[in-house]
PDB file of N, CA and C in Angstrom:
ATOM      1  N   MET A   1     309.127 213.765 150.027  1.00  0.00           N
ATOM      2  CA  MET A   1     308.161 212.686 149.955  1.00  0.00           C
ATOM      3  C   MET A   1     308.687 211.515 150.782  1.00  0.00           C
ATOM      4  N   PRO A   2     307.829 210.878 151.572  1.00  0.00           N
ATOM      5  CA  PRO A   2     308.295 209.761 152.399  1.00  0.00           C
ATOM      6  C   PRO A   2     308.865 208.620 151.564  1.00  0.00           C
ATOM      7  N   GLN A   3     309.848 207.915 152.099  1.00  0.00           N
ATOM      8  CA  GLN A   3     310.464 206.774 151.417  1.00  0.00           C
ATOM      9  C   GLN A   3     309.415 205.755 150.992  1.00  0.00           C
ATOM     10  N   LEU A   4     308.342 205.615 151.757  1.00  0.00           N
ATOM     11  CA  LEU A   4     307.303 204.647 151.466  1.00  0.00           C
ATOM     12  C   LEU A   4     306.787 204.792 150.041  1.00  0.00           C
ATOM     13  N   PHE A   5     306.786 206.000 149.510  1.00  0.00           N
ATOM     14  CA  PHE A   5     306.229 206.253 148.191  1.00  0.00           C
ATOM     15  C   PHE A   5     307.274 206.335 147.098  1.00  0.00           C
ATOM     16  N   ILE A   6     308.505 205.976 147.395  1.00  0.00           N
ATOM     17  CA  ILE A   6     309.540 206.036 146.379  1.00  0.00           C
ATOM     18  C   ILE A   6     310.059 204.630 146.131  1.00  0.00           C
ATOM     19  N   ARG A   7     309.328 203.907 145.293  1.00  0.00           N
ATOM     20  CA  ARG A   7     309.699 202.561 144.894  1.00  0.00           C
ATOM     21  C   ARG A   7     309.356 202.393 143.433  1.00  0.00           C
ATOM     22  N   LYS A   8     310.059 201.523 142.766  1.00  0.00           N
ATOM     23  CA  LYS A   8     309.741 201.222 141.377  1.00  0.00           C
ATOM     24  C   LYS A   8     308.514 200.330 141.330  1.00  0.00           C
ATOM     25  N   LEU A   9     307.755 200.440 140.244  1.00  0.00           N
ATOM     26  CA  LEU A   9     306.619 199.549 140.069  1.00  0.00           C
ATOM     27  C   LEU A   9     307.126 198.127 139.887  1.00  0.00           C
ATOM     28  N   PRO A  10     306.418 197.176 140.463  1.00  0.00           N
ATOM     29  CA  PRO A  10     306.863 195.787 140.314  1.00  0.00           C
ATOM     30  C   PRO A  10     306.654 195.311 138.881  1.00  0.00           C
ATOM     31  N   ASN A  11     307.408 194.342 138.501  1.00  0.00           N
ATOM     32  CA  ASN A  11     307.300 193.789 137.149  1.00  0.00           C
ATOM     33  C   ASN A  11     306.264 192.657 137.164  1.00  0.00           C
ATOM     34  N   VAL A  12     305.033 193.022 137.522  1.00  0.00           N
ATOM     35  CA  VAL A  12     303.911 192.084 137.579  1.00  0.00           C
ATOM     36  C   VAL A  12     302.694 192.772 136.963  1.00  0.00           C
ATOM     37  N   ALA A  13     301.657 191.998 136.743  1.00  0.00           N
ATOM     38  CA  ALA A  13     300.409 192.574 136.244  1.00  0.00           C
ATOM     39  C   ALA A  13     299.828 193.519 137.290  1.00  0.00           C
ATOM     40  N   LEU A  14     299.255 194.617 136.824  1.00  0.00           N
ATOM     41  CA  LEU A  14     298.688 195.627 137.710  1.00  0.00           C
ATOM     42  C   LEU A  14     297.200 195.792 137.437  1.00  0.00           C
ATOM     43  N   ASP A  15     296.443 196.074 138.474  1.00  0.00           N
ATOM     44  CA  ASP A  15     295.048 196.462 138.350  1.00  0.00           C
ATOM     45  C   ASP A  15     294.956 197.931 138.735  1.00  0.00           C
ATOM     46  N   ILE A  16     294.477 198.763 137.820  1.00  0.00           N
ATOM     47  CA  ILE A  16     294.371 200.197 138.037  1.00  0.00           C
ATOM     48  C   ILE A  16     292.967 200.499 138.552  1.00  0.00           C
ATOM     49  N   VAL A  17     292.883 201.151 139.716  1.00  0.00           N
ATOM     50  CA  VAL A  17     291.603 201.495 140.330  1.00  0.00           C
ATOM     51  C   VAL A  17     291.457 203.005 140.307  1.00  0.00           C
ATOM     52  N   GLY A  18     290.356 203.487 139.748  1.00  0.00           N
ATOM     53  CA  GLY A  18     290.101 204.927 139.652  1.00  0.00           C
ATOM     54  C   GLY A  18     289.528 205.492 140.940  1.00  0.00           C
ATOM     55  N   ASP A  19     288.763 206.547 140.814  1.00  0.00           N
ATOM     56  CA  ASP A  19     288.215 207.273 141.961  1.00  0.00           C
ATOM     57  C   ASP A  19     287.377 206.376 142.872  1.00  0.00           C
ATOM     58  N   VAL A  20     287.776 206.304 144.136  1.00  0.00           N
ATOM     59  CA  VAL A  20     287.066 205.507 145.128  1.00  0.00           C
ATOM     60  C   VAL A  20     286.051 206.378 145.878  1.00  0.00           C
ATOM     61  N   HIS A  21     286.398 207.624 146.118  1.00  0.00           N
ATOM     62  CA  HIS A  21     285.514 208.618 146.745  1.00  0.00           C
ATOM     63  C   HIS A  21     284.899 208.174 148.066  1.00  0.00           C
ATOM     64  N   GLY A  22     285.669 207.456 148.879  1.00  0.00           N
ATOM     65  CA  GLY A  22     285.194 207.107 150.207  1.00  0.00           C
ATOM     66  C   GLY A  22     284.184 205.975 150.257  1.00  0.00           C
ATOM     67  N   GLU A  23     284.038 205.243 149.179  1.00  0.00           N
ATOM     68  CA  GLU A  23     283.064 204.145 149.113  1.00  0.00           C
ATOM     69  C   GLU A  23     283.761 202.820 149.447  1.00  0.00           C
ATOM     70  N   LEU A  24     283.920 202.549 150.734  1.00  0.00           N
ATOM     71  CA  LEU A  24     284.642 201.364 151.183  1.00  0.00           C
ATOM     72  C   LEU A  24     283.969 200.077 150.712  1.00  0.00           C
ATOM     73  N   HIS A  25     282.655 199.983 150.841  1.00  0.00           N
ATOM     74  CA  HIS A  25     281.958 198.766 150.433  1.00  0.00           C
ATOM     75  C   HIS A  25     282.172 198.498 148.937  1.00  0.00           C
ATOM     76  N   ALA A  26     282.067 199.523 148.116  1.00  0.00           N
ATOM     77  CA  ALA A  26     282.280 199.359 146.676  1.00  0.00           C
ATOM     78  C   ALA A  26     283.720 198.945 146.387  1.00  0.00           C
ATOM     79  N   LEU A  27     284.677 199.519 147.099  1.00  0.00           N
ATOM     80  CA  LEU A  27     286.084 199.155 146.915  1.00  0.00           C
ATOM     81  C   LEU A  27     286.303 197.687 147.275  1.00  0.00           C
ATOM     82  N   GLU A  28     285.784 197.271 148.422  1.00  0.00           N
ATOM     83  CA  GLU A  28     285.967 195.882 148.831  1.00  0.00           C
ATOM     84  C   GLU A  28     285.290 194.920 147.860  1.00  0.00           C
ATOM     85  N   SER A  29     284.135 195.300 147.331  1.00  0.00           N
ATOM     86  CA  SER A  29     283.451 194.473 146.324  1.00  0.00           C
ATOM     87  C   SER A  29     284.288 194.360 145.064  1.00  0.00           C
ATOM     88  N   LEU A  30     284.849 195.474 144.615  1.00  0.00           N
ATOM     89  CA  LEU A  30     285.689 195.475 143.419  1.00  0.00           C
ATOM     90  C   LEU A  30     286.911 194.584 143.617  1.00  0.00           C
ATOM     91  N   LEU A  31     287.571 194.728 144.761  1.00  0.00           N
ATOM     92  CA  LEU A  31     288.764 193.919 145.017  1.00  0.00           C
ATOM     93  C   LEU A  31     288.427 192.433 145.017  1.00  0.00           C
ATOM     94  N   GLY A  32     287.307 192.082 145.616  1.00  0.00           N
ATOM     95  CA  GLY A  32     286.872 190.694 145.604  1.00  0.00           C
ATOM     96  C   GLY A  32     286.574 190.215 144.194  1.00  0.00           C
ATOM     97  N   HIS A  33     285.913 191.051 143.401  1.00  0.00           N
ATOM     98  CA  HIS A  33     285.603 190.712 142.009  1.00  0.00           C
ATOM     99  C   HIS A  33     286.878 190.487 141.194  1.00  0.00           C
ATOM    100  N   LEU A  34     287.909 191.275 141.492  1.00  0.00           N
ATOM    101  CA  LEU A  34     289.192 191.146 140.781  1.00  0.00           C
ATOM    102  C   LEU A  34     290.025 189.963 141.274  1.00  0.00           C
ATOM    103  N   GLY A  35     289.603 189.338 142.380  1.00  0.00           N
ATOM    104  CA  GLY A  35     290.303 188.156 142.878  1.00  0.00           C
ATOM    105  C   GLY A  35     291.214 188.392 144.064  1.00  0.00           C
ATOM    106  N   TYR A  36     291.170 189.578 144.673  1.00  0.00           N
ATOM    107  CA  TYR A  36     291.997 189.878 145.839  1.00  0.00           C
ATOM    108  C   TYR A  36     291.311 189.359 147.096  1.00  0.00           C
ATOM    109  N   ASP A  37     292.101 188.844 148.050  1.00  0.00           N
ATOM    110  CA  ASP A  37     291.511 188.461 149.324  1.00  0.00           C
ATOM    111  C   ASP A  37     291.410 189.693 150.213  1.00  0.00           C
ATOM    112  N   THR A  38     290.914 189.521 151.433  1.00  0.00           N
ATOM    113  CA  THR A  38     290.687 190.675 152.307  1.00  0.00           C
ATOM    114  C   THR A  38     291.977 191.363 152.738  1.00  0.00           C
ATOM    115  N   ASP A  39     293.109 190.665 152.632  1.00  0.00           N
ATOM    116  CA  ASP A  39     294.404 191.278 152.960  1.00  0.00           C
ATOM    117  C   ASP A  39     295.077 191.917 151.751  1.00  0.00           C
ATOM    118  N   GLY A  40     294.432 191.856 150.592  1.00  0.00           N
ATOM    119  CA  GLY A  40     295.003 192.469 149.395  1.00  0.00           C
ATOM    120  C   GLY A  40     295.890 191.550 148.585  1.00  0.00           C
ATOM    121  N   HIS A  41     295.939 190.272 148.934  1.00  0.00           N
ATOM    122  CA  HIS A  41     296.756 189.309 148.197  1.00  0.00           C
ATOM    123  C   HIS A  41     295.982 188.794 146.995  1.00  0.00           C
ATOM    124  N   HIS A  42     296.642 188.712 145.860  1.00  0.00           N
ATOM    125  CA  HIS A  42     296.042 188.138 144.652  1.00  0.00           C
ATOM    126  C   HIS A  42     296.769 186.834 144.335  1.00  0.00           C
ATOM    127  N   PRO A  43     296.044 185.761 144.000  1.00  0.00           N
ATOM    128  CA  PRO A  43     296.712 184.479 143.744  1.00  0.00           C
ATOM    129  C   PRO A  43     297.703 184.519 142.582  1.00  0.00           C
ATOM    130  N   ASP A  44     297.535 185.473 141.672  1.00  0.00           N
ATOM    131  CA  ASP A  44     298.462 185.612 140.545  1.00  0.00           C
ATOM    132  C   ASP A  44     299.516 186.686 140.794  1.00  0.00           C
ATOM    133  N   GLN A  45     299.626 187.133 142.055  1.00  0.00           N
ATOM    134  CA  GLN A  45     300.619 188.143 142.458  1.00  0.00           C
ATOM    135  C   GLN A  45     300.401 189.498 141.787  1.00  0.00           C
ATOM    136  N   ARG A  46     299.181 189.783 141.358  1.00  0.00           N
ATOM    137  CA  ARG A  46     298.878 191.090 140.786  1.00  0.00           C
ATOM    138  C   ARG A  46     298.994 192.155 141.875  1.00  0.00           C
ATOM    139  N   HIS A  47     299.215 193.389 141.480  1.00  0.00           N
ATOM    140  CA  HIS A  47     299.278 194.506 142.415  1.00  0.00           C
ATOM    141  C   HIS A  47     298.248 195.544 142.002  1.00  0.00           C
ATOM    142  N   LEU A  48     297.859 196.363 142.964  1.00  0.00           N
ATOM    143  CA  LEU A  48     296.906 197.438 142.736  1.00  0.00           C
ATOM    144  C   LEU A  48     297.626 198.760 142.568  1.00  0.00           C
ATOM    145  N   VAL A  49     297.088 199.605 141.697  1.00  0.00           N
ATOM    146  CA  VAL A  49     297.523 200.996 141.581  1.00  0.00           C
ATOM    147  C   VAL A  49     296.266 201.839 141.700  1.00  0.00           C
ATOM    148  N   PHE A  50     296.241 202.754 142.669  1.00  0.00           N
ATOM    149  CA  PHE A  50     295.105 203.641 142.842  1.00  0.00           C
ATOM    150  C   PHE A  50     295.423 204.992 142.211  1.00  0.00           C
ATOM    151  N   VAL A  51     294.516 205.477 141.417  1.00  0.00           N
ATOM    152  CA  VAL A  51     294.636 206.808 140.823  1.00  0.00           C
ATOM    153  C   VAL A  51     293.345 207.557 141.126  1.00  0.00           C
ATOM    154  N   GLY A  52     293.423 208.829 141.298  1.00  0.00           N
ATOM    155  CA  GLY A  52     292.223 209.617 141.574  1.00  0.00           C
ATOM    156  C   GLY A  52     291.972 209.767 143.059  1.00  0.00           C
ATOM    157  N   ASP A  53     290.759 210.192 143.373  1.00  0.00           N
ATOM    158  CA  ASP A  53     290.388 210.519 144.746  1.00  0.00           C
ATOM    159  C   ASP A  53     290.064 209.266 145.552  1.00  0.00           C
ATOM    160  N   LEU A  54     290.712 209.120 146.693  1.00  0.00           N
ATOM    161  CA  LEU A  54     290.380 208.027 147.603  1.00  0.00           C
ATOM    162  C   LEU A  54     289.183 208.390 148.472  1.00  0.00           C
ATOM    163  N   CYS A  55     289.078 209.646 148.848  1.00  0.00           N
ATOM    164  CA  CYS A  55     287.998 210.040 149.741  1.00  0.00           C
ATOM    165  C   CYS A  55     287.464 211.414 149.364  1.00  0.00           C
ATOM    166  N   ASP A  56     286.273 211.649 149.744  1.00  0.00           N
ATOM    167  CA  ASP A  56     285.645 212.965 149.776  1.00  0.00           C
ATOM    168  C   ASP A  56     284.157 212.862 150.028  1.00  0.00           C
ATOM    169  N   ARG A  57     283.383 212.221 149.180  1.00  0.00           N
ATOM    170  CA  ARG A  57     281.936 212.292 149.351  1.00  0.00           C
ATOM    171  C   ARG A  57     281.272 210.991 149.776  1.00  0.00           C
ATOM    172  N   GLY A  58     282.000 209.925 149.846  1.00  0.00           N
ATOM    173  CA  GLY A  58     281.420 208.642 150.236  1.00  0.00           C
ATOM    174  C   GLY A  58     281.133 208.569 151.722  1.00  0.00           C
ATOM    175  N   ASN A  59     280.533 207.466 152.132  1.00  0.00           N
ATOM    176  CA  ASN A  59     280.124 207.347 153.530  1.00  0.00           C
ATOM    177  C   ASN A  59     281.213 206.800 154.446  1.00  0.00           C
ATOM    178  N   ASP A  60     282.381 206.397 153.912  1.00  0.00           N
ATOM    179  CA  ASP A  60     283.431 205.858 154.788  1.00  0.00           C
ATOM    180  C   ASP A  60     284.833 206.199 154.276  1.00  0.00           C
ATOM    181  N   SER A  61     285.106 207.483 154.142  1.00  0.00           N
ATOM    182  CA  SER A  61     286.445 207.903 153.727  1.00  0.00           C
ATOM    183  C   SER A  61     287.524 207.423 154.687  1.00  0.00           C
ATOM    184  N   PRO A  62     287.318 207.503 156.028  1.00  0.00           N
ATOM    185  CA  PRO A  62     288.354 206.982 156.935  1.00  0.00           C
ATOM    186  C   PRO A  62     288.604 205.489 156.719  1.00  0.00           C
ATOM    187  N   GLY A  63     287.560 204.719 156.453  1.00  0.00           N
ATOM    188  CA  GLY A  63     287.724 203.294 156.209  1.00  0.00           C
ATOM    189  C   GLY A  63     288.519 203.021 154.951  1.00  0.00           C
ATOM    190  N   VAL A  64     288.273 203.813 153.902  1.00  0.00           N
ATOM    191  CA  VAL A  64     289.037 203.666 152.659  1.00  0.00           C
ATOM    192  C   VAL A  64     290.508 203.958 152.922  1.00  0.00           C
ATOM    193  N   LEU A  65     290.784 205.022 153.650  1.00  0.00           N
ATOM    194  CA  LEU A  65     292.176 205.377 153.938  1.00  0.00           C
ATOM    195  C   LEU A  65     292.863 204.295 154.762  1.00  0.00           C
ATOM    196  N   ARG A  66     292.155 203.722 155.741  1.00  0.00           N
ATOM    197  CA  ARG A  66     292.737 202.632 156.529  1.00  0.00           C
ATOM    198  C   ARG A  66     293.029 201.415 155.638  1.00  0.00           C
ATOM    199  N   LYS A  67     292.093 201.093 154.751  1.00  0.00           N
ATOM    200  CA  LYS A  67     292.257 199.942 153.857  1.00  0.00           C
ATOM    201  C   LYS A  67     293.461 200.150 152.935  1.00  0.00           C
ATOM    202  N   VAL A  68     293.548 201.311 152.321  1.00  0.00           N
ATOM    203  CA  VAL A  68     294.644 201.593 151.387  1.00  0.00           C
ATOM    204  C   VAL A  68     295.981 201.605 152.123  1.00  0.00           C
ATOM    205  N   ARG A  69     296.017 202.192 153.300  1.00  0.00           N
ATOM    206  CA  ARG A  69     297.266 202.202 154.078  1.00  0.00           C
ATOM    207  C   ARG A  69     297.694 200.775 154.402  1.00  0.00           C
ATOM    208  N   SER A  70     296.755 199.938 154.777  1.00  0.00           N
ATOM    209  CA  SER A  70     297.051 198.539 155.070  1.00  0.00           C
ATOM    210  C   SER A  70     297.624 197.828 153.846  1.00  0.00           C
ATOM    211  N   LEU A  71     297.053 198.089 152.684  1.00  0.00           N
ATOM    212  CA  LEU A  71     297.549 197.474 151.450  1.00  0.00           C
ATOM    213  C   LEU A  71     298.961 197.943 151.120  1.00  0.00           C
ATOM    214  N   VAL A  72     299.225 199.214 151.335  1.00  0.00           N
ATOM    215  CA  VAL A  72     300.572 199.751 151.091  1.00  0.00           C
ATOM    216  C   VAL A  72     301.568 199.079 152.027  1.00  0.00           C
ATOM    217  N   GLU A  73     301.198 198.962 153.298  1.00  0.00           N
ATOM    218  CA  GLU A  73     302.102 198.353 154.279  1.00  0.00           C
ATOM    219  C   GLU A  73     302.388 196.888 153.959  1.00  0.00           C
ATOM    220  N   LYS A  74     301.445 196.211 153.318  1.00  0.00           N
ATOM    221  CA  LYS A  74     301.635 194.806 152.950  1.00  0.00           C
ATOM    222  C   LYS A  74     302.248 194.657 151.551  1.00  0.00           C
ATOM    223  N   ASN A  75     302.561 195.780 150.912  1.00  0.00           N
ATOM    224  CA  ASN A  75     303.184 195.798 149.589  1.00  0.00           C
ATOM    225  C   ASN A  75     302.319 195.205 148.479  1.00  0.00           C
ATOM    226  N   TRP A  76     301.002 195.249 148.633  1.00  0.00           N
ATOM    227  CA  TRP A  76     300.109 194.780 147.572  1.00  0.00           C
ATOM    228  C   TRP A  76     299.545 195.937 146.768  1.00  0.00           C
ATOM    229  N   LEU A  77     299.976 197.119 147.053  1.00  0.00           N
ATOM    230  CA  LEU A  77     299.438 198.287 146.382  1.00  0.00           C
ATOM    231  C   LEU A  77     300.570 199.220 146.019  1.00  0.00           C
ATOM    232  N   GLN A  78     300.464 199.821 144.877  1.00  0.00           N
ATOM    233  CA  GLN A  78     301.427 200.822 144.453  1.00  0.00           C
ATOM    234  C   GLN A  78     300.694 202.165 144.387  1.00  0.00           C
ATOM    235  N   PRO A  79     300.988 203.096 145.304  1.00  0.00           N
ATOM    236  CA  PRO A  79     300.349 204.418 145.239  1.00  0.00           C
ATOM    237  C   PRO A  79     300.647 205.067 143.904  1.00  0.00           C
ATOM    238  N   SER A  80     299.689 205.814 143.375  1.00  0.00           N
ATOM    239  CA  SER A  80     299.855 206.403 142.045  1.00  0.00           C
ATOM    240  C   SER A  80     301.041 207.349 141.981  1.00  0.00           C
ATOM    241  N   SER A  81     301.484 207.908 143.128  1.00  0.00           N
ATOM    242  CA  SER A  81     302.644 208.795 143.114  1.00  0.00           C
ATOM    243  C   SER A  81     303.896 208.050 142.675  1.00  0.00           C
ATOM    244  N   GLU A  82     303.913 206.726 142.811  1.00  0.00           N
ATOM    245  CA  GLU A  82     305.080 205.967 142.388  1.00  0.00           C
ATOM    246  C   GLU A  82     305.198 205.913 140.887  1.00  0.00           C
ATOM    247  N   ILE A  83     304.085 206.037 140.195  1.00  0.00           N
ATOM    248  CA  ILE A  83     304.116 206.026 138.731  1.00  0.00           C
ATOM    249  C   ILE A  83     304.879 207.248 138.236  1.00  0.00           C
ATOM    250  N   MET A  84     304.775 208.334 138.982  1.00  0.00           N
ATOM    251  CA  MET A  84     305.405 209.578 138.579  1.00  0.00           C
ATOM    252  C   MET A  84     306.894 209.601 138.885  1.00  0.00           C
ATOM    253  N   SER A  85     307.380 208.736 139.799  1.00  0.00           N
ATOM    254  CA  SER A  85     308.784 208.836 140.213  1.00  0.00           C
ATOM    255  C   SER A  85     309.697 208.095 139.260  1.00  0.00           C
TER     256      SER A  85
END
């Protein structure tokens, strides 16, 4: 497994996001509703944890993957595989 996915969960509040299924617009709406800016920063330093399917049947699976990768690179997201490590 790449080093990128082997980190401990931060000792901060987490927002758990379930199945996104390629729905980029819905994901961005949810993040905004939760208080995240477009770069994935939360004013209270909360982090995201995604569980379930990121893509498959929605209209923008590539966009969802780009968004999630960007969040991981900025350290505002904890991939669900980290929960298992």
